[in-house]
Amino acid sequence: MLALNSLSPAHADGYWFSNALQFGNSFGAQFVLDLLVAGLALVVAGLVRHRKPIYGLNLWAVCLVVGALGVIGISTLTRRAGATSPGYLQLTPFATLRKYVHDPADLLIYLAGNVALFIPLGFFLYLAVRRWMLVCTALTVLVSIGVEIFQLPIYSRSSDIDDVITNGLGGLVGVVLAWIFLQLLGLWMPRVVPDEPRLGEPEQQHQPHARQAPGDRRPAFAREVGRGTHHQVPQPGSARNDYHENAL
């Protein structure tokens, strides 16, 4: 383990917001700020919930993605409350997890915290795009890698490859839950409107129910009614009508 920020004094941080948001000696203030950011994202998402998708992205879900990123930033890019030791750089996969094996309580806290933190990001990211499960999961992993890089100069924060692994697992869980949610929603709620065009797909024009023949100026519903096998009414002067007249 390499302590890259061990030379930083206890009162200094790598970023102004990390130095400003020290949260005292408890996580209470940090938790309150997380709730405020999440609540603001929910309010904005509710205001734009009826807006049409832009480039195939659902705006309300994009707002929740931004809120999830804000909660992740507040929780990971600020100083630990009451921290007295510098962080470290750990690049050996599963080394931190093996360290917690002998303490099930700490292992559960470590896994629950790192996995649960990224579940909302994966969930709302897939709801925003509604496709590309692997791409959405990869984006959550990239966010985790970015967090670990930005944590390097912050006193008391550690950049750990195991954090990336567990964060990526949380993102995958969120994506799978969002996919299941959409599948259940499709079963419970019948579709009464056509799907919105997805990202990268051209808008589909509504096709008429019946193909219009050349010179046929009737509306679509009239053409639809006229389809099928029906007995034709003989017209005056037709061969069939002349036959019936001669038979009489």
Foldseek 3Di string as FASTA:
>chain_A
DAQLQQPPDPQDFDDPVQNVPLVAQDCPVLVVVLVVLQVVLQVVLVVCQPPAADLQFRPNLVSNLVSLLVNVCSVQLHAHHPDDGFAGEAEDPCPVVVVCPVPVVVNVVVLCVLLQSQLSNLQSVCVGQVDDLVVSLVVQLVSLQVSLVSNNRGGPHYRHVNSSVSNSNSSSNNNVVNNVVVVVVCVVDPDPDDDDDGRPDDDDDDDQPDDDDVPDPDDSVVVVVVDDDDDDDDDPPDPVVVVVVVVD
